[in-house]
Amino acid sequence: MVLKGLWFDGKVSASIPVKLQVDDASLINVIDESSQAVITQAPFSAIRISSRVGNTPRYIYFPGGKKFETRQHDLVDQLLQKYRPSFWNNLAHQLETHTYFVALTLVLVVSFTWAMVVYGLPVTSRYIAYQLPKGLMDRAATETLQLLDKTHLKPTRLNAAKQAELLQHFAPAIAQNKDLTIRVIFRHGGAIGANAFALPDGTVLLTDQIVQLAKNNDELLAVLAHEIGHVKYRHALRSVIQGSVVSFAVAMVTGDLSTASNLLATLPVIMSNMSYSRNFEREADDNSLLFLDANHIERHHFVDLMERLTYQAQCSQLIMQDDLKNKIASTINDENDKNNENDDVGDEIDEDDFDPSILEDGELDENANKSEDVSDVDDTTPSLDIEANRARCDKLIADYKDNFFHSTLLGYFASHPETDERTKKFKQ
């Protein structure tokens, strides 16, 4: 039996055309096709043959790092069957060429992956999070707070009397969770605005803006109970663990995630993390609900503040987008008037057809600086007067909800439950 292929001597990367002959005594001779000289000899028992995988080259490995490459798969299979018969020789090839087996394998792999992401990973991350030492959580919280203080937060502007009033009102919730070492601190939110979040060590941070947004202290107490839920269930740590595992898994599949900036590589990470985040929020909501009921506090206090907070955030964002769109429209109209290209641009501007190059120098940079470097925002600048712009906000929000792409598709990327969902839970 004769096979043709390429020979690699294990010393240099260059190859030479050879033929491989096997005699009746199972002795293998490798012969140079150009000179017909015997390059090497070896008994069949001394070689190792790679498995057959699709149409990839087949390799026969000789002692000393030498190897023979060929694509004559059928002849190699015949060699194996004659000199080293085994049920396992072509099992992989037979399975990969079996359509039903491939389909079944695909279904099983997808199902297993889905089950691990949806059920297995949350359970595993929860177990790991609860095994981490307190010292690690303290360090993570300290470094996170230091970073936020340097980049986004400012010292609180609440007077001492207001802080003392709130801490006294929060005392029952803190006392009922002594094992969590809850500590409430205040900061001026700056560009972050009205917000509250919990750190792994039990520190709960409230911004001045959310305190000002609340109409009574019970609303803030309900938010504190929600944040205590994040501490109790170690959501911050679990989120980091789950996000890291998903990112690692995607990197293993796609190759190198550091260069995989395309949507197909990052979308699974985003979607899974948003799903986990929504579940964490629901769990924290339930903790707030239990606290409010146990302490005979009206449930609606939590969702009242959340609705106000959501409205304010949506209003500010949509007005900023609308102002930018109007500025772009005005710039396009001015440019068209200069060049006399069109008599009437029209009221509707298709943003997909907008060419940023037509803007005057510095205008894009001005808008980019506003959005990219929030840490440099002058927090002394008056915030948007929501009440004065309520009519405009109502119209923009209504248009936003009517847009299927915005309200439905982008809703899947939300990290928090829908306001309607929370309203049903806290106002039923």
Protein backbone atom coordinates (compact mmCIF):
# COMPACT_ATOMS: atom_id res chain seq x y z
CA MET A 1 0.00 0.00 0.00
CA VAL A 2 1.36 3.41 -1.00
CA LEU A 3 0.35 6.85 0.28
CA LYS A 4 1.49 10.20 -1.10
CA GLY A 5 2.01 13.30 0.97
CA LEU A 6 4.49 15.69 2.57
CA TRP A 7 7.36 14.89 4.92
CA PHE A 8 8.49 17.04 7.85
CA ASP A 9 11.77 16.08 9.49
CA GLY A 10 11.01 17.86 12.79
CA LYS A 11 14.02 20.17 12.42
CA VAL A 12 12.93 22.72 9.81
CA SER A 13 9.50 23.92 8.71
CA ALA A 14 10.10 23.05 5.04
CA SER A 15 8.44 19.94 3.65
CA ILE A 16 9.29 17.60 0.79
CA PRO A 17 7.01 15.39 -1.34
CA VAL A 18 7.29 11.74 -0.35
CA LYS A 19 5.49 8.47 -0.65
CA LEU A 20 4.87 6.09 2.20
CA GLN A 21 4.99 2.33 1.57
CA VAL A 22 3.97 -0.43 3.98
CA ASP A 23 5.14 -3.95 3.28
CA ASP A 24 3.57 -7.24 4.38
CA ALA A 25 5.74 -7.27 7.52
CA SER A 26 4.15 -3.94 8.55
CA LEU A 27 7.43 -2.08 8.01
CA ILE A 28 6.96 1.51 6.86
CA ASN A 29 9.33 3.08 4.32
CA VAL A 30 9.30 6.80 3.64
CA ILE A 31 10.70 7.48 0.14
CA ASP A 32 11.73 10.83 -1.34
CA GLU A 33 9.74 11.17 -4.60
CA SER A 34 12.44 13.15 -6.38
CA SER A 35 15.46 10.93 -5.58
CA GLN A 36 13.62 7.72 -4.71
CA ALA A 37 15.89 7.44 -1.67
CA VAL A 38 14.57 5.93 1.55
CA ILE A 39 14.40 8.70 4.13
CA THR A 40 13.44 6.62 7.14
CA GLN A 41 12.01 3.28 8.19
CA ALA A 42 9.86 2.37 11.19
CA PRO A 43 7.61 -0.51 12.26
CA PHE A 44 3.90 0.22 12.19
CA SER A 45 3.75 -0.28 15.95
CA ALA A 46 6.08 2.74 16.45
CA ILE A 47 3.91 5.30 14.71
CA ARG A 48 0.89 7.28 15.84
CA ILE A 49 -1.92 8.28 13.48
CA SER A 50 -4.16 11.30 14.06
CA SER A 51 -7.94 10.96 14.07
CA ARG A 52 -9.94 11.70 10.96
CA VAL A 53 -11.72 15.05 11.34
CA GLY A 54 -13.57 16.34 8.32
CA ASN A 55 -11.25 17.17 5.42
CA THR A 56 -8.36 18.35 7.56
CA PRO A 57 -4.94 16.78 6.80
CA ARG A 58 -4.12 13.46 8.42
CA TYR A 59 -0.80 13.09 10.23
CA ILE A 60 1.31 10.00 10.85
CA TYR A 61 3.82 10.72 13.60
CA PHE A 62 7.21 8.97 13.62
CA PRO A 63 9.76 8.76 16.44
CA GLY A 64 12.01 11.81 16.84
CA GLY A 65 9.35 14.42 16.04
CA LYS A 66 9.07 13.50 12.34
CA LYS A 67 5.68 13.36 10.65
CA PHE A 68 3.97 12.53 7.39
CA GLU A 69 1.01 14.61 6.15
CA THR A 70 -1.59 13.32 3.71
CA ARG A 71 -5.19 13.81 2.65
CA GLN A 72 -5.70 10.22 1.49
CA HIS A 73 -7.99 9.47 4.39
CA ASP A 74 -9.46 6.26 3.01
CA LEU A 75 -6.03 4.67 2.53
CA VAL A 76 -5.01 5.66 6.05
CA ASP A 77 -8.21 4.08 7.37
CA GLN A 78 -7.40 0.90 5.47
CA LEU A 79 -3.93 0.85 7.04
CA LEU A 80 -5.41 1.17 10.48
CA GLN A 81 -7.98 -1.51 9.83
CA LYS A 82 -5.33 -3.90 8.51
CA TYR A 83 -2.52 -3.38 11.00
CA ARG A 84 -4.27 -1.95 14.05
CA PRO A 85 -7.95 -2.92 13.90
CA SER A 86 -10.16 -1.21 16.51
CA PHE A 87 -13.75 -0.10 16.92
CA TRP A 88 -12.52 3.38 17.93
CA ASN A 89 -10.43 4.10 14.84
CA ASN A 90 -13.09 5.94 12.83
CA LEU A 91 -15.75 6.48 15.48
CA ALA A 92 -15.28 10.28 15.55
CA HIS A 93 -15.49 10.51 11.76
CA GLN A 94 -18.59 8.32 11.62
CA LEU A 95 -20.32 10.42 14.23
CA GLU A 96 -19.44 13.77 12.67
CA THR A 97 -20.76 12.66 9.30
CA HIS A 98 -24.04 11.41 10.77
CA THR A 99 -26.59 14.20 10.24
CA TYR A 100 -28.95 13.14 12.99
CA PHE A 101 -26.13 12.80 15.51
CA VAL A 102 -24.78 16.25 14.63
CA ALA A 103 -28.25 17.77 15.01
CA LEU A 104 -28.77 16.01 18.33
CA THR A 105 -25.36 17.15 19.56
CA LEU A 106 -26.14 20.74 18.60
CA VAL A 107 -29.44 20.63 20.49
CA LEU A 108 -27.77 19.11 23.55
CA VAL A 109 -24.92 21.64 23.55
CA VAL A 110 -27.29 24.61 23.18
CA SER A 111 -29.61 23.23 25.87
CA PHE A 112 -26.74 22.55 28.25
CA THR A 113 -25.25 25.99 27.68
CA TRP A 114 -28.61 27.67 28.23
CA ALA A 115 -29.23 25.68 31.43
CA MET A 116 -25.79 26.53 32.77
CA VAL A 117 -26.17 30.25 32.02
CA VAL A 118 -29.72 30.54 33.35
CA TYR A 119 -29.54 28.16 36.32
CA GLY A 120 -26.07 26.77 36.91
CA LEU A 121 -24.07 30.00 36.86
CA PRO A 122 -26.33 31.94 39.28
CA VAL A 123 -26.25 29.06 41.78
CA THR A 124 -22.49 28.71 41.47
CA SER A 125 -21.83 32.45 41.76
CA ARG A 126 -24.08 32.64 44.82
CA TYR A 127 -22.12 29.85 46.50
CA ILE A 128 -18.77 31.47 45.66
CA ALA A 129 -19.94 34.92 46.81
CA TYR A 130 -20.94 33.58 50.21
CA GLN A 131 -17.57 31.85 50.62
CA LEU A 132 -15.52 35.00 50.09
CA PRO A 133 -13.92 36.39 53.27
CA LYS A 134 -15.14 39.65 54.79
CA GLY A 135 -11.71 41.21 54.32
CA LEU A 136 -12.04 40.87 50.56
CA MET A 137 -15.47 42.52 50.56
CA ASP A 138 -14.19 45.38 52.72
CA ARG A 139 -11.29 45.97 50.35
CA ALA A 140 -13.52 45.86 47.27
CA ALA A 141 -15.94 48.35 48.83
CA THR A 142 -13.18 50.71 49.99
CA GLU A 143 -11.48 50.82 46.59
CA THR A 144 -14.79 51.26 44.76
CA LEU A 145 -15.81 54.16 46.99
CA GLN A 146 -12.40 55.79 46.62
CA LEU A 147 -12.66 55.56 42.84
CA LEU A 148 -16.18 57.04 42.82
CA ASP A 149 -15.09 59.87 45.11
CA LYS A 150 -12.27 60.71 42.71
CA THR A 151 -14.28 60.51 39.49
CA HIS A 152 -17.97 61.22 40.06
CA LEU A 153 -18.97 62.00 43.64
CA LYS A 154 -18.50 65.13 45.72
CA PRO A 155 -18.85 65.73 49.48
CA THR A 156 -22.47 65.87 50.56
CA ARG A 157 -24.19 69.24 50.78
CA LEU A 158 -26.84 68.02 53.18
CA ASN A 159 -26.61 69.81 56.51
CA ALA A 160 -25.83 67.86 59.66
CA ALA A 161 -29.40 68.14 60.96
CA LYS A 162 -30.86 66.53 57.81
CA GLN A 163 -28.32 63.72 57.91
CA ALA A 164 -29.05 63.05 61.58
CA GLU A 165 -32.79 63.05 60.88
CA LEU A 166 -32.41 60.48 58.11
CA LEU A 167 -30.05 58.25 60.08
CA GLN A 168 -32.51 58.22 62.97
CA HIS A 169 -35.31 57.29 60.59
CA PHE A 170 -33.13 54.51 59.12
CA ALA A 171 -32.23 53.10 62.55
CA PRO A 172 -34.91 50.36 62.63
CA ALA A 173 -33.83 48.97 59.26
CA ILE A 174 -30.17 49.01 60.29
CA ALA A 175 -30.96 47.40 63.66
CA GLN A 176 -32.90 44.60 61.98
CA ASN A 177 -29.84 43.76 59.87
CA LYS A 178 -27.05 43.91 62.45
CA ASP A 179 -25.26 40.94 60.89
CA LEU A 180 -24.79 42.92 57.67
CA THR A 181 -23.03 45.89 59.33
CA ILE A 182 -25.10 48.40 57.37
CA ARG A 183 -23.64 51.91 57.23
CA VAL A 184 -25.38 54.79 55.45
CA ILE A 185 -23.31 57.59 53.90
CA PHE A 186 -24.23 60.61 51.78
CA ARG A 187 -22.55 62.15 48.75
CA HIS A 188 -23.39 64.82 46.21
CA GLY A 189 -24.09 62.82 43.05
CA GLY A 190 -22.81 65.31 40.49
CA ALA A 191 -23.33 63.84 37.01
CA ILE A 192 -24.72 60.62 38.54
CA GLY A 193 -27.70 62.53 39.87
CA ALA A 194 -30.39 60.95 42.02
CA ASN A 195 -29.25 57.46 42.91
CA ALA A 196 -28.55 54.98 45.69
CA PHE A 197 -26.37 51.90 45.68
CA ALA A 198 -24.86 49.37 48.04
CA LEU A 199 -21.24 48.26 48.39
CA PRO A 200 -20.23 44.69 49.31
CA ASP A 201 -19.18 45.57 52.87
CA GLY A 202 -22.64 46.87 53.81
CA THR A 203 -22.13 50.54 52.98
CA VAL A 204 -25.22 52.12 51.43
CA LEU A 205 -24.67 55.40 49.59
CA LEU A 206 -27.46 57.92 48.99
CA THR A 207 -26.87 60.95 46.80
CA ASP A 208 -28.10 64.39 47.79
CA GLN A 209 -30.25 64.43 44.68
CA ILE A 210 -32.30 61.38 45.65
CA VAL A 211 -32.81 62.84 49.12
CA GLN A 212 -34.10 66.04 47.51
CA LEU A 213 -36.28 64.06 45.11
CA ALA A 214 -38.00 62.15 47.93
CA LYS A 215 -41.18 63.70 49.31
CA ASN A 216 -40.85 62.03 52.71
CA ASN A 217 -38.38 59.94 54.69
CA ASP A 218 -40.39 56.74 54.29
CA GLU A 219 -39.61 56.80 50.56
CA LEU A 220 -35.91 56.85 51.36
CA LEU A 221 -36.38 54.15 53.99
CA ALA A 222 -37.98 51.93 51.36
CA VAL A 223 -35.01 52.54 49.06
CA LEU A 224 -32.63 51.71 51.93
CA ALA A 225 -34.45 48.40 52.47
CA HIS A 226 -34.02 47.69 48.77
CA GLU A 227 -30.28 48.39 48.96
CA ILE A 228 -29.99 46.23 52.08
CA GLY A 229 -31.38 43.43 49.93
CA HIS A 230 -28.43 43.88 47.56
CA VAL A 231 -26.04 43.58 50.50
CA LYS A 232 -27.85 40.59 52.01
CA TYR A 233 -27.80 38.58 48.80
CA ARG A 234 -24.33 39.80 47.77
CA HIS A 235 -25.52 40.95 44.40
CA ALA A 236 -22.46 43.08 43.64
CA LEU A 237 -20.08 40.16 44.09
CA ARG A 238 -22.33 37.74 42.24
CA SER A 239 -22.64 40.17 39.35
CA VAL A 240 -18.85 40.41 39.05
CA ILE A 241 -18.45 36.63 39.21
CA GLN A 242 -21.19 35.94 36.67
CA GLY A 243 -20.01 38.65 34.28
CA SER A 244 -16.44 37.34 34.45
CA VAL A 245 -17.50 33.76 33.75
CA VAL A 246 -19.71 34.76 30.80
CA SER A 247 -16.95 36.95 29.35
CA PHE A 248 -14.45 34.12 29.72
CA ALA A 249 -16.83 31.67 28.05
CA VAL A 250 -17.41 34.01 25.10
CA ALA A 251 -13.65 34.56 24.82
CA MET A 252 -13.13 30.79 24.67
CA VAL A 253 -15.67 30.47 21.86
CA THR A 254 -14.69 33.53 19.81
CA GLY A 255 -10.96 33.31 20.39
CA ASP A 256 -9.72 36.62 21.80
CA LEU A 257 -12.38 38.84 23.32
CA SER A 258 -9.96 41.74 23.57
CA THR A 259 -10.16 42.11 19.79
CA ALA A 260 -13.75 40.93 19.45
CA SER A 261 -15.39 44.34 19.47
CA ASN A 262 -18.19 43.26 17.17
CA LEU A 263 -21.73 42.88 18.43
CA LEU A 264 -21.85 39.11 17.98
CA ALA A 265 -19.04 38.65 20.49
CA THR A 266 -20.25 41.11 23.13
CA LEU A 267 -24.03 40.67 22.82
CA PRO A 268 -24.21 37.42 24.87
CA VAL A 269 -22.29 39.09 27.70
CA ILE A 270 -24.54 42.16 27.68
CA MET A 271 -27.77 40.18 27.48
CA SER A 272 -26.88 37.72 30.23
CA ASN A 273 -25.60 40.45 32.57
CA MET A 274 -28.75 42.51 32.06
CA SER A 275 -30.87 39.44 32.82
CA TYR A 276 -28.94 38.76 36.01
CA SER A 277 -29.21 42.42 37.01
CA ARG A 278 -32.98 42.44 36.60
CA ASN A 279 -33.25 39.32 38.76
CA PHE A 280 -31.09 40.94 41.43
CA GLU A 281 -33.34 44.01 41.38
CA ARG A 282 -36.43 41.84 41.79
CA GLU A 283 -34.81 40.07 44.75
CA ALA A 284 -33.93 43.41 46.34
CA ASP A 285 -37.49 44.65 45.68
CA ASP A 286 -38.84 41.64 47.56
CA ASN A 287 -36.58 42.45 50.51
CA SER A 288 -37.92 46.01 50.57
CA LEU A 289 -41.47 44.70 50.33
CA LEU A 290 -40.99 42.39 53.31
CA PHE A 291 -39.50 45.18 55.40
CA LEU A 292 -42.29 47.62 54.59
CA ASP A 293 -45.00 45.10 55.43
CA ALA A 294 -43.28 43.99 58.63
CA ASN A 295 -42.95 47.58 59.84
CA HIS A 296 -46.46 48.66 58.72
CA ILE A 297 -45.17 51.16 56.19
CA GLU A 298 -47.20 51.77 53.05
CA ARG A 299 -45.76 49.82 50.11
CA HIS A 300 -46.33 52.60 47.61
CA HIS A 301 -43.56 54.75 49.09
CA PHE A 302 -40.91 52.77 47.23
CA VAL A 303 -42.54 52.80 43.81
CA ASP A 304 -43.58 56.44 44.18
CA LEU A 305 -39.95 57.45 44.40
CA MET A 306 -38.94 55.02 41.65
CA GLU A 307 -41.57 56.44 39.29
CA ARG A 308 -40.37 59.96 40.02
CA LEU A 309 -36.77 58.92 39.53
CA THR A 310 -37.50 57.13 36.26
CA TYR A 311 -39.49 60.07 34.94
CA GLN A 312 -36.72 62.50 35.76
CA ALA A 313 -34.03 60.33 34.17
CA GLN A 314 -36.07 59.75 31.00
CA CYS A 315 -37.00 63.42 30.76
CA SER A 316 -33.40 64.62 31.07
CA GLN A 317 -32.12 62.09 28.55
CA LEU A 318 -34.84 62.65 25.95
CA ILE A 319 -34.60 66.44 26.14
CA MET A 320 -30.82 66.22 25.67
CA GLN A 321 -31.32 63.97 22.62
CA ASP A 322 -34.03 66.24 21.25
CA ASP A 323 -31.85 69.33 21.67
CA LEU A 324 -28.98 67.61 19.87
CA LYS A 325 -31.29 66.47 17.06
CA ASN A 326 -32.61 70.01 16.65
CA LYS A 327 -29.08 71.38 16.56
CA ILE A 328 -28.11 68.86 13.87
CA ALA A 329 -31.22 69.77 11.88
CA SER A 330 -30.41 73.46 12.16
CA THR A 331 -26.83 72.88 11.04
CA ILE A 332 -27.96 70.83 8.03
CA ASN A 333 -30.45 73.54 7.04
CA ASP A 334 -27.81 76.24 7.32
CA GLU A 335 -25.34 74.22 5.26
CA ASN A 336 -27.92 73.51 2.56
CA ASP A 337 -28.83 77.19 2.41
CA LYS A 338 -25.17 78.07 1.89
CA ASN A 339 -24.67 75.62 -0.96
CA ASN A 340 -28.11 76.11 -2.50
CA GLU A 341 -28.39 72.36 -2.84
CA ASN A 342 -32.00 72.07 -1.74
CA ASP A 343 -34.89 74.53 -1.62
CA ASP A 344 -36.48 72.93 1.39
CA VAL A 345 -34.85 70.39 3.69
CA GLY A 346 -38.13 69.58 5.41
CA ASP A 347 -39.03 69.15 9.02
CA GLU A 348 -38.01 65.51 9.38
CA ILE A 349 -34.32 64.70 9.61
CA ASP A 350 -33.18 61.17 8.92
CA GLU A 351 -30.36 60.65 11.40
CA ASP A 352 -29.08 57.60 9.48
CA ASP A 353 -28.30 59.85 6.47
CA PHE A 354 -26.59 62.53 8.55
CA ASP A 355 -22.96 63.15 7.64
CA PRO A 356 -21.05 64.47 10.67
CA SER A 357 -18.44 66.05 8.37
CA ILE A 358 -20.83 68.88 7.48
CA LEU A 359 -20.72 70.24 11.02
CA GLU A 360 -18.48 73.19 11.68
CA ASP A 361 -15.18 72.43 13.39
CA GLY A 362 -15.58 71.99 17.12
CA GLU A 363 -19.33 71.32 17.18
CA LEU A 364 -18.99 67.56 17.30
CA ASP A 365 -16.15 67.87 19.78
CA GLU A 366 -18.36 70.03 21.95
CA ASN A 367 -21.12 67.41 21.99
CA ALA A 368 -18.64 64.58 22.46
CA ASN A 369 -17.08 66.28 25.44
CA LYS A 370 -20.49 66.64 27.02
CA SER A 371 -21.18 62.91 26.83
CA GLU A 372 -17.76 61.32 27.12
CA ASP A 373 -16.23 63.02 30.16
CA VAL A 374 -18.97 63.22 32.76
CA SER A 375 -16.40 63.57 35.50
CA ASP A 376 -15.57 67.05 34.23
CA VAL A 377 -19.16 68.27 34.38
CA ASP A 378 -19.47 71.37 36.50
CA ASP A 379 -21.89 70.26 39.19
CA THR A 380 -22.70 73.88 39.97
CA THR A 381 -24.61 74.10 36.68
CA PRO A 382 -28.36 74.11 37.44
CA SER A 383 -30.01 70.80 36.63
CA LEU A 384 -32.95 70.58 34.27
CA ASP A 385 -36.14 72.02 35.74
CA ILE A 386 -38.45 69.06 35.27
CA GLU A 387 -41.62 70.89 36.25
CA ALA A 388 -40.95 73.72 33.82
CA ASN A 389 -40.43 71.19 31.04
CA ARG A 390 -43.16 68.74 32.07
CA ALA A 391 -45.29 69.27 28.97
CA ARG A 392 -42.30 68.73 26.71
CA CYS A 393 -41.22 65.71 28.75
CA ASP A 394 -44.67 64.14 28.57
CA LYS A 395 -44.71 64.47 24.79
CA LEU A 396 -41.19 63.07 24.34
CA ILE A 397 -41.85 60.14 26.68
CA ALA A 398 -45.14 59.36 24.92
CA ASP A 399 -43.36 59.38 21.54
CA TYR A 400 -40.63 57.17 23.00
CA LYS A 401 -43.15 54.60 24.25
CA ASP A 402 -44.97 54.61 20.90
CA ASN A 403 -41.73 53.75 19.10
CA PHE A 404 -41.51 49.95 18.96
CA PHE A 405 -37.74 49.88 18.60
CA HIS A 406 -37.14 52.12 21.60
CA SER A 407 -39.80 50.86 23.97
CA THR A 408 -39.70 47.14 23.14
CA LEU A 409 -36.38 46.10 21.63
CA LEU A 410 -34.19 48.36 23.77
CA GLY A 411 -36.24 47.30 26.79
CA TYR A 412 -34.50 43.94 26.68
CA PHE A 413 -31.26 45.71 27.57
CA ALA A 414 -32.72 47.34 30.69
CA SER A 415 -30.95 46.44 33.92
CA HIS A 416 -34.02 47.11 36.08
CA PRO A 417 -37.58 45.74 36.02
CA GLU A 418 -40.16 47.77 34.16
CA THR A 419 -41.89 50.50 36.19
CA ASP A 420 -45.27 48.86 35.49
CA GLU A 421 -44.01 45.62 37.01
CA ARG A 422 -42.93 47.40 40.17
CA THR A 423 -46.17 49.37 40.31
CA LYS A 424 -48.21 46.16 40.36
CA LYS A 425 -46.03 44.70 43.11
CA PHE A 426 -45.99 47.74 45.40
CA LYS A 427 -49.45 49.13 44.77
CA GLN A 428 -51.54 45.97 44.68
